[in-house]
Amino acid sequence: TMIQRFDVDWPAHGYDEARLRELVEFQLRIMQSFFIS
């Protein structure tokens, strides 16, 4: 929901549904590391 609020044409940059979900997971894991430390 968060990333779909961005003004980005995700398909035009090579992101299908599966890759967008992977990007979301990557983003969440990056944030997790900063929340923890």
All heavy atoms as atom14 arrays in JSON, in Angstrom:
{
  "sequence": "TMIQRFDVDWPAHGYDEARLRELVEFQLRIMQSFFIS",
  "atom14_mask": [
    [1, 1, 1, 1, 1, 1, 1, 0, 0, 0, 0, 0, 0, 0],
    [1, 1, 1, 1, 1, 1, 1, 1, 0, 0, 0, 0, 0, 0],
    [1, 1, 1, 1, 1, 1, 1, 1, 0, 0, 0, 0, 0, 0],
    [1, 1, 1, 1, 1, 1, 1, 1, 1, 0, 0, 0, 0, 0],
    [1, 1, 1, 1, 1, 1, 1, 1, 1, 1, 1, 0, 0, 0],
    [1, 1, 1, 1, 1, 1, 1, 1, 1, 1, 1, 0, 0, 0],
    [1, 1, 1, 1, 1, 1, 1, 1, 0, 0, 0, 0, 0, 0],
    [1, 1, 1, 1, 1, 1, 1, 0, 0, 0, 0, 0, 0, 0],
    [1, 1, 1, 1, 1, 1, 1, 1, 0, 0, 0, 0, 0, 0],
    [1, 1, 1, 1, 1, 1, 1, 1, 1, 1, 1, 1, 1, 1],
    [1, 1, 1, 1, 1, 1, 1, 0, 0, 0, 0, 0, 0, 0],
    [1, 1, 1, 1, 1, 0, 0, 0, 0, 0, 0, 0, 0, 0],
    [1, 1, 1, 1, 1, 1, 1, 1, 1, 1, 0, 0, 0, 0],
    [1, 1, 1, 1, 0, 0, 0, 0, 0, 0, 0, 0, 0, 0],
    [1, 1, 1, 1, 1, 1, 1, 1, 1, 1, 1, 1, 0, 0],
    [1, 1, 1, 1, 1, 1, 1, 1, 0, 0, 0, 0, 0, 0],
    [1, 1, 1, 1, 1, 1, 1, 1, 1, 0, 0, 0, 0, 0],
    [1, 1, 1, 1, 1, 0, 0, 0, 0, 0, 0, 0, 0, 0],
    [1, 1, 1, 1, 1, 1, 1, 1, 1, 1, 1, 0, 0, 0],
    [1, 1, 1, 1, 1, 1, 1, 1, 0, 0, 0, 0, 0, 0],
    [1, 1, 1, 1, 1, 1, 1, 1, 1, 1, 1, 0, 0, 0],
    [1, 1, 1, 1, 1, 1, 1, 1, 1, 0, 0, 0, 0, 0],
    [1, 1, 1, 1, 1, 1, 1, 1, 0, 0, 0, 0, 0, 0],
    [1, 1, 1, 1, 1, 1, 1, 0, 0, 0, 0, 0, 0, 0],
    [1, 1, 1, 1, 1, 1, 1, 1, 1, 0, 0, 0, 0, 0],
    [1, 1, 1, 1, 1, 1, 1, 1, 1, 1, 1, 0, 0, 0],
    [1, 1, 1, 1, 1, 1, 1, 1, 1, 0, 0, 0, 0, 0],
    [1, 1, 1, 1, 1, 1, 1, 1, 0, 0, 0, 0, 0, 0],
    [1, 1, 1, 1, 1, 1, 1, 1, 1, 1, 1, 0, 0, 0],
    [1, 1, 1, 1, 1, 1, 1, 1, 0, 0, 0, 0, 0, 0],
    [1, 1, 1, 1, 1, 1, 1, 1, 0, 0, 0, 0, 0, 0],
    [1, 1, 1, 1, 1, 1, 1, 1, 1, 0, 0, 0, 0, 0],
    [1, 1, 1, 1, 1, 1, 0, 0, 0, 0, 0, 0, 0, 0],
    [1, 1, 1, 1, 1, 1, 1, 1, 1, 1, 1, 0, 0, 0],
    [1, 1, 1, 1, 1, 1, 1, 1, 1, 1, 1, 0, 0, 0],
    [1, 1, 1, 1, 1, 1, 1, 1, 0, 0, 0, 0, 0, 0],
    [1, 1, 1, 1, 1, 1, 0, 0, 0, 0, 0, 0, 0, 0]
  ],
  "atom14_positions": [
    [[0.84, -1.2, 0.0], [0.0, 0.0, 0.0], [0.87, 1.25, 0.0], [0.6, 2.22, -0.72], [-0.92, 0.01, 1.23], [-1.72, -1.17, 1.21], [-1.81, 1.23, 1.23], [0.0, 0.0, 0.0], [0.0, 0.0, 0.0], [0.0, 0.0, 0.0], [0.0, 0.0, 0.0], [0.0, 0.0, 0.0], [0.0, 0.0, 0.0], [0.0, 0.0, 0.0]],
    [[1.94, 1.2, 0.78], [2.85, 2.33, 0.88], [3.5, 2.64, -0.46], [3.48, 3.77, -0.94], [3.91, 2.0, 1.94], [5.01, 3.0, 2.13], [6.08, 2.44, 3.49], [7.55, 3.42, 3.16], [0.0, 0.0, 0.0], [0.0, 0.0, 0.0], [0.0, 0.0, 0.0], [0.0, 0.0, 0.0], [0.0, 0.0, 0.0], [0.0, 0.0, 0.0]],
    [[4.06, 1.62, -1.11], [4.83, 1.85, -2.32], [3.93, 2.19, -3.51], [4.35, 2.89, -4.44], [5.74, 0.64, -2.62], [7.01, 1.09, -3.34], [5.01, -0.45, -3.37], [8.11, 0.05, -3.34], [0.0, 0.0, 0.0], [0.0, 0.0, 0.0], [0.0, 0.0, 0.0], [0.0, 0.0, 0.0], [0.0, 0.0, 0.0], [0.0, 0.0, 0.0]],
    [[2.69, 1.73, -3.47], [1.77, 2.06, -4.55], [1.25, 3.49, -4.46], [0.61, 3.97, -5.38], [0.62, 1.04, -4.57], [1.06, -0.31, -5.1], [0.07, -1.42, -4.85], [-0.88, -1.28, -4.08], [0.28, -2.55, -5.5], [0.0, 0.0, 0.0], [0.0, 0.0, 0.0], [0.0, 0.0, 0.0], [0.0, 0.0, 0.0], [0.0, 0.0, 0.0]],
    [[1.56, 4.18, -3.35], [1.21, 5.6, -3.24], [2.27, 6.49, -3.9], [2.06, 7.69, -4.02], [1.07, 6.0, -1.76], [0.01, 5.22, -0.98], [-1.4, 5.58, -1.36], [-1.77, 6.93, -0.98], [-2.32, 7.26, 0.19], [-2.56, 6.34, 1.09], [-2.65, 8.51, 0.44], [0.0, 0.0, 0.0], [0.0, 0.0, 0.0], [0.0, 0.0, 0.0]],
    [[3.39, 5.89, -4.28], [4.45, 6.66, -4.93], [4.03, 7.05, -6.34], [3.3, 6.32, -7.0], [5.75, 5.85, -5.01], [6.39, 5.53, -3.68], [7.5, 4.7, -3.63], [5.9, 6.03, -2.49], [8.11, 4.39, -2.43], [6.49, 5.72, -1.28], [7.61, 4.9, -1.25], [0.0, 0.0, 0.0], [0.0, 0.0, 0.0], [0.0, 0.0, 0.0]],
    [[4.54, 8.19, -6.83], [4.27, 8.64, -8.2], [5.28, 8.01, -9.17], [5.96, 8.71, -9.91], [4.35, 10.17, -8.29], [3.16, 10.84, -7.64], [2.12, 10.18, -7.44], [3.26, 12.04, -7.34], [0.0, 0.0, 0.0], [0.0, 0.0, 0.0], [0.0, 0.0, 0.0], [0.0, 0.0, 0.0], [0.0, 0.0, 0.0], [0.0, 0.0, 0.0]],
    [[5.35, 6.69, -9.15], [6.31, 5.96, -9.98], [5.55, 5.03, -10.91], [4.63, 4.33, -10.47], [7.29, 5.14, -9.11], [8.22, 4.3, -9.98], [8.1, 6.06, -8.2], [0.0, 0.0, 0.0], [0.0, 0.0, 0.0], [0.0, 0.0, 0.0], [0.0, 0.0, 0.0], [0.0, 0.0, 0.0], [0.0, 0.0, 0.0], [0.0, 0.0, 0.0]],
    [[5.93, 5.03, -12.17], [5.37, 4.08, -13.14], [6.2, 2.8, -13.02], [7.18, 2.61, -13.74], [5.46, 4.66, -14.55], [4.8, 3.76, -15.58], [4.48, 2.59, -15.26], [4.63, 4.22, -16.73], [0.0, 0.0, 0.0], [0.0, 0.0, 0.0], [0.0, 0.0, 0.0], [0.0, 0.0, 0.0], [0.0, 0.0, 0.0], [0.0, 0.0, 0.0]],
    [[5.82, 1.95, -12.08], [6.63, 0.77, -11.79], [6.82, -0.15, -13.0], [7.96, -0.59, -13.25], [6.04, 0.01, -10.61], [6.13, 0.78, -9.32], [5.1, 1.36, -8.63], [7.31, 1.09, -8.59], [5.57, 2.01, -7.51], [6.92, 1.85, -7.46], [8.67, 0.8, -8.78], [7.84, 2.32, -6.52], [9.58, 1.27, -7.84], [9.18, 2.01, -6.74]],
    [[5.78, -0.47, -13.8], [5.99, -1.33, -14.97], [7.0, -0.77, -15.96], [7.78, -1.5, -16.56], [4.6, -1.45, -15.58], [3.66, -1.23, -14.44], [4.35, -0.19, -13.57], [0.0, 0.0, 0.0], [0.0, 0.0, 0.0], [0.0, 0.0, 0.0], [0.0, 0.0, 0.0], [0.0, 0.0, 0.0], [0.0, 0.0, 0.0], [0.0, 0.0, 0.0]],
    [[6.99, 0.56, -16.11], [7.93, 1.18, -17.05], [9.38, 1.01, -16.61], [10.29, 1.1, -17.43], [7.61, 2.67, -17.2], [0.0, 0.0, 0.0], [0.0, 0.0, 0.0], [0.0, 0.0, 0.0], [0.0, 0.0, 0.0], [0.0, 0.0, 0.0], [0.0, 0.0, 0.0], [0.0, 0.0, 0.0], [0.0, 0.0, 0.0], [0.0, 0.0, 0.0]],
    [[9.57, 0.73, -15.33], [10.93, 0.52, -14.81], [11.24, -0.95, -14.56], [12.19, -1.27, -13.85], [11.11, 1.33, -13.52], [11.12, 2.81, -13.73], [12.22, 3.5, -14.19], [10.14, 3.74, -13.58], [11.94, 4.78, -14.29], [10.68, 4.96, -13.93], [0.0, 0.0, 0.0], [0.0, 0.0, 0.0], [0.0, 0.0, 0.0], [0.0, 0.0, 0.0]],
    [[10.42, -1.83, -15.16], [10.7, -3.26, -15.1], [10.11, -4.0, -13.92], [10.44, -5.16, -13.69], [0.0, 0.0, 0.0], [0.0, 0.0, 0.0], [0.0, 0.0, 0.0], [0.0, 0.0, 0.0], [0.0, 0.0, 0.0], [0.0, 0.0, 0.0], [0.0, 0.0, 0.0], [0.0, 0.0, 0.0], [0.0, 0.0, 0.0], [0.0, 0.0, 0.0]],
    [[9.21, -3.36, -13.19], [8.63, -3.99, -12.0], [7.25, -4.58, -12.31], [6.29, -3.84, -12.52], [8.51, -2.98, -10.86], [9.82, -2.76, -10.13], [10.7, -1.76, -10.53], [10.17, -3.56, -9.06], [11.9, -1.56, -9.86], [11.37, -3.37, -8.39], [12.23, -2.38, -8.8], [13.43, -2.2, -8.14], [0.0, 0.0, 0.0], [0.0, 0.0, 0.0]],
    [[7.18, -5.92, -12.34], [5.88, -6.56, -12.37], [5.46, -6.81, -10.91], [6.15, -6.38, -9.97], [5.92, -7.88, -13.17], [6.94, -8.87, -12.63], [7.45, -8.69, -11.49], [7.26, -9.84, -13.34], [0.0, 0.0, 0.0], [0.0, 0.0, 0.0], [0.0, 0.0, 0.0], [0.0, 0.0, 0.0], [0.0, 0.0, 0.0], [0.0, 0.0, 0.0]],
    [[4.34, -7.47, -10.7], [3.83, -7.67, -9.34], [4.83, -8.41, -8.45], [5.07, -8.03, -7.31], [2.51, -8.45, -9.39], [1.86, -8.71, -8.04], [1.18, -7.48, -7.45], [1.01, -6.48, -8.18], [0.81, -7.54, -6.26], [0.0, 0.0, 0.0], [0.0, 0.0, 0.0], [0.0, 0.0, 0.0], [0.0, 0.0, 0.0], [0.0, 0.0, 0.0]],
    [[5.43, -9.46, -8.99], [6.37, -10.25, -8.19], [7.6, -9.44, -7.79], [8.05, -9.48, -6.64], [6.79, -11.5, -8.95], [0.0, 0.0, 0.0], [0.0, 0.0, 0.0], [0.0, 0.0, 0.0], [0.0, 0.0, 0.0], [0.0, 0.0, 0.0], [0.0, 0.0, 0.0], [0.0, 0.0, 0.0], [0.0, 0.0, 0.0], [0.0, 0.0, 0.0]],
    [[8.14, -8.68, -8.73], [9.33, -7.89, -8.41], [9.0, -6.72, -7.49], [9.83, -6.33, -6.66], [9.98, -7.39, -9.7], [10.76, -8.49, -10.41], [11.43, -8.02, -11.66], [12.38, -9.0, -12.15], [13.02, -8.9, -13.3], [12.81, -7.84, -14.06], [13.86, -9.84, -13.69], [0.0, 0.0, 0.0], [0.0, 0.0, 0.0], [0.0, 0.0, 0.0]],
    [[7.8, -6.18, -7.63], [7.4, -5.1, -6.73], [7.29, -5.63, -5.3], [7.71, -4.97, -4.34], [6.08, -4.48, -7.18], [5.74, -3.11, -6.56], [6.82, -2.09, -6.86], [4.39, -2.64, -7.08], [0.0, 0.0, 0.0], [0.0, 0.0, 0.0], [0.0, 0.0, 0.0], [0.0, 0.0, 0.0], [0.0, 0.0, 0.0], [0.0, 0.0, 0.0]],
    [[6.77, -6.83, -5.15], [6.69, -7.43, -3.82], [8.08, -7.68, -3.25], [8.32, -7.49, -2.05], [5.88, -8.73, -3.85], [4.38, -8.52, -4.07], [3.61, -9.82, -3.94], [3.69, -10.35, -2.59], [2.93, -9.92, -1.58], [2.03, -8.96, -1.76], [3.05, -10.45, -0.38], [0.0, 0.0, 0.0], [0.0, 0.0, 0.0], [0.0, 0.0, 0.0]],
    [[9.01, -8.1, -4.1], [10.38, -8.29, -3.64], [10.99, -6.95, -3.2], [11.72, -6.88, -2.2], [11.24, -8.92, -4.73], [10.97, -10.39, -4.93], [11.94, -11.02, -5.93], [12.73, -10.28, -6.56], [11.91, -12.25, -6.07], [0.0, 0.0, 0.0], [0.0, 0.0, 0.0], [0.0, 0.0, 0.0], [0.0, 0.0, 0.0], [0.0, 0.0, 0.0]],
    [[10.69, -5.89, -3.94], [11.19, -4.57, -3.58], [10.62, -4.13, -2.23], [11.34, -3.58, -1.39], [10.84, -3.54, -4.66], [11.22, -2.09, -4.35], [12.73, -1.95, -4.12], [10.76, -1.16, -5.47], [0.0, 0.0, 0.0], [0.0, 0.0, 0.0], [0.0, 0.0, 0.0], [0.0, 0.0, 0.0], [0.0, 0.0, 0.0], [0.0, 0.0, 0.0]],
    [[9.34, -4.39, -2.02], [8.71, -4.05, -0.74], [9.4, -4.81, 0.39], [9.72, -4.24, 1.44], [7.2, -4.35, -0.77], [6.61, -4.34, 0.64], [6.49, -3.34, -1.65], [0.0, 0.0, 0.0], [0.0, 0.0, 0.0], [0.0, 0.0, 0.0], [0.0, 0.0, 0.0], [0.0, 0.0, 0.0], [0.0, 0.0, 0.0], [0.0, 0.0, 0.0]],
    [[9.65, -6.11, 0.19], [10.33, -6.88, 1.23], [11.72, -6.3, 1.51], [12.13, -6.16, 2.67], [10.46, -8.34, 0.81], [11.16, -9.18, 1.86], [11.37, -10.63, 1.45], [10.81, -11.05, 0.41], [12.12, -11.33, 2.17], [0.0, 0.0, 0.0], [0.0, 0.0, 0.0], [0.0, 0.0, 0.0], [0.0, 0.0, 0.0], [0.0, 0.0, 0.0]],
    [[12.44, -5.94, 0.45], [13.77, -5.35, 0.59], [13.69, -4.05, 1.39], [14.47, -3.8, 2.33], [14.36, -5.1, -0.8], [15.7, -4.43, -0.81], [16.82, -5.06, -0.27], [15.86, -3.17, -1.37], [18.06, -4.44, -0.3], [17.09, -2.54, -1.4], [18.2, -3.19, -0.86], [0.0, 0.0, 0.0], [0.0, 0.0, 0.0], [0.0, 0.0, 0.0]],
    [[12.72, -3.22, 1.05], [12.53, -1.94, 1.74], [12.2, -2.17, 3.22], [12.75, -1.48, 4.1], [11.43, -1.15, 1.04], [11.17, 0.23, 1.6], [10.19, 1.01, 0.75], [10.1, 0.83, -0.45], [9.43, 1.87, 1.39], [0.0, 0.0, 0.0], [0.0, 0.0, 0.0], [0.0, 0.0, 0.0], [0.0, 0.0, 0.0], [0.0, 0.0, 0.0]],
    [[11.31, -3.11, 3.5], [10.95, -3.41, 4.88], [12.16, -3.91, 5.67], [12.36, -3.55, 6.84], [9.83, -4.44, 4.93], [8.45, -3.96, 4.48], [7.5, -5.15, 4.35], [7.88, -2.93, 5.45], [0.0, 0.0, 0.0], [0.0, 0.0, 0.0], [0.0, 0.0, 0.0], [0.0, 0.0, 0.0], [0.0, 0.0, 0.0], [0.0, 0.0, 0.0]],
    [[12.97, -4.74, 5.04], [14.14, -5.27, 5.74], [15.18, -4.18, 6.0], [15.84, -4.18, 7.05], [14.75, -6.43, 4.96], [13.85, -7.67, 4.93], [14.54, -8.87, 4.3], [13.63, -9.99, 4.19], [13.34, -10.82, 5.19], [13.88, -10.62, 6.39], [12.51, -11.83, 5.01], [0.0, 0.0, 0.0], [0.0, 0.0, 0.0], [0.0, 0.0, 0.0]],
    [[15.32, -3.26, 5.09], [16.22, -2.12, 5.32], [15.72, -1.31, 6.51], [16.5, -0.95, 7.42], [16.32, -1.22, 4.07], [17.01, -1.96, 2.91], [17.03, 0.08, 4.39], [18.47, -2.26, 3.16], [0.0, 0.0, 0.0], [0.0, 0.0, 0.0], [0.0, 0.0, 0.0], [0.0, 0.0, 0.0], [0.0, 0.0, 0.0], [0.0, 0.0, 0.0]],
    [[14.42, -1.03, 6.54], [13.87, -0.26, 7.65], [14.01, -1.02, 8.96], [14.32, -0.44, 10.01], [12.42, 0.11, 7.38], [12.28, 1.17, 6.3], [10.62, 1.87, 6.15], [9.71, 0.48, 5.51], [0.0, 0.0, 0.0], [0.0, 0.0, 0.0], [0.0, 0.0, 0.0], [0.0, 0.0, 0.0], [0.0, 0.0, 0.0], [0.0, 0.0, 0.0]],
    [[13.79, -2.34, 8.91], [13.93, -3.15, 10.12], [15.31, -2.98, 10.74], [15.44, -2.82, 11.95], [13.7, -4.63, 9.79], [13.9, -5.56, 10.98], [13.86, -7.0, 10.58], [14.42, -7.39, 9.57], [13.19, -7.83, 11.38], [0.0, 0.0, 0.0], [0.0, 0.0, 0.0], [0.0, 0.0, 0.0], [0.0, 0.0, 0.0], [0.0, 0.0, 0.0]],
    [[16.34, -2.98, 9.9], [17.7, -2.88, 10.44], [17.9, -1.55, 11.15], [18.58, -1.49, 12.18], [18.72, -3.05, 9.31], [18.73, -1.95, 8.43], [0.0, 0.0, 0.0], [0.0, 0.0, 0.0], [0.0, 0.0, 0.0], [0.0, 0.0, 0.0], [0.0, 0.0, 0.0], [0.0, 0.0, 0.0], [0.0, 0.0, 0.0], [0.0, 0.0, 0.0]],
    [[17.29, -0.47, 10.65], [17.44, 0.83, 11.3], [16.55, 0.95, 12.54], [16.91, 1.66, 13.49], [17.15, 1.96, 10.32], [18.3, 2.21, 9.38], [18.29, 1.71, 8.09], [19.4, 2.95, 9.79], [19.35, 1.94, 7.22], [20.47, 3.18, 8.94], [20.45, 2.67, 7.64], [0.0, 0.0, 0.0], [0.0, 0.0, 0.0], [0.0, 0.0, 0.0]],
    [[15.39, 0.28, 12.55], [14.58, 0.27, 13.76], [15.33, -0.43, 14.89], [15.32, 0.02, 16.04], [13.25, -0.45, 13.53], [12.26, 0.33, 12.7], [11.58, -0.3, 11.67], [11.99, 1.66, 12.97], [10.66, 0.4, 10.91], [11.07, 2.37, 12.21], [10.4, 1.73, 11.18], [0.0, 0.0, 0.0], [0.0, 0.0, 0.0], [0.0, 0.0, 0.0]],
    [[15.97, -1.55, 14.56], [16.66, -2.33, 15.58], [17.94, -1.63, 16.04], [18.25, -1.59, 17.23], [16.98, -3.74, 15.04], [15.67, -4.52, 14.83], [17.89, -4.5, 16.01], [15.87, -5.83, 14.1], [0.0, 0.0, 0.0], [0.0, 0.0, 0.0], [0.0, 0.0, 0.0], [0.0, 0.0, 0.0], [0.0, 0.0, 0.0], [0.0, 0.0, 0.0]],
    [[18.69, -1.09, 15.09], [19.97, -0.48, 15.42], [20.18, 0.78, 14.58], [20.77, 0.72, 13.5], [21.11, -1.48, 15.17], [22.36, -0.91, 15.48], [0.0, 0.0, 0.0], [0.0, 0.0, 0.0], [0.0, 0.0, 0.0], [0.0, 0.0, 0.0], [0.0, 0.0, 0.0], [0.0, 0.0, 0.0], [0.0, 0.0, 0.0], [0.0, 0.0, 0.0]]
  ]
}
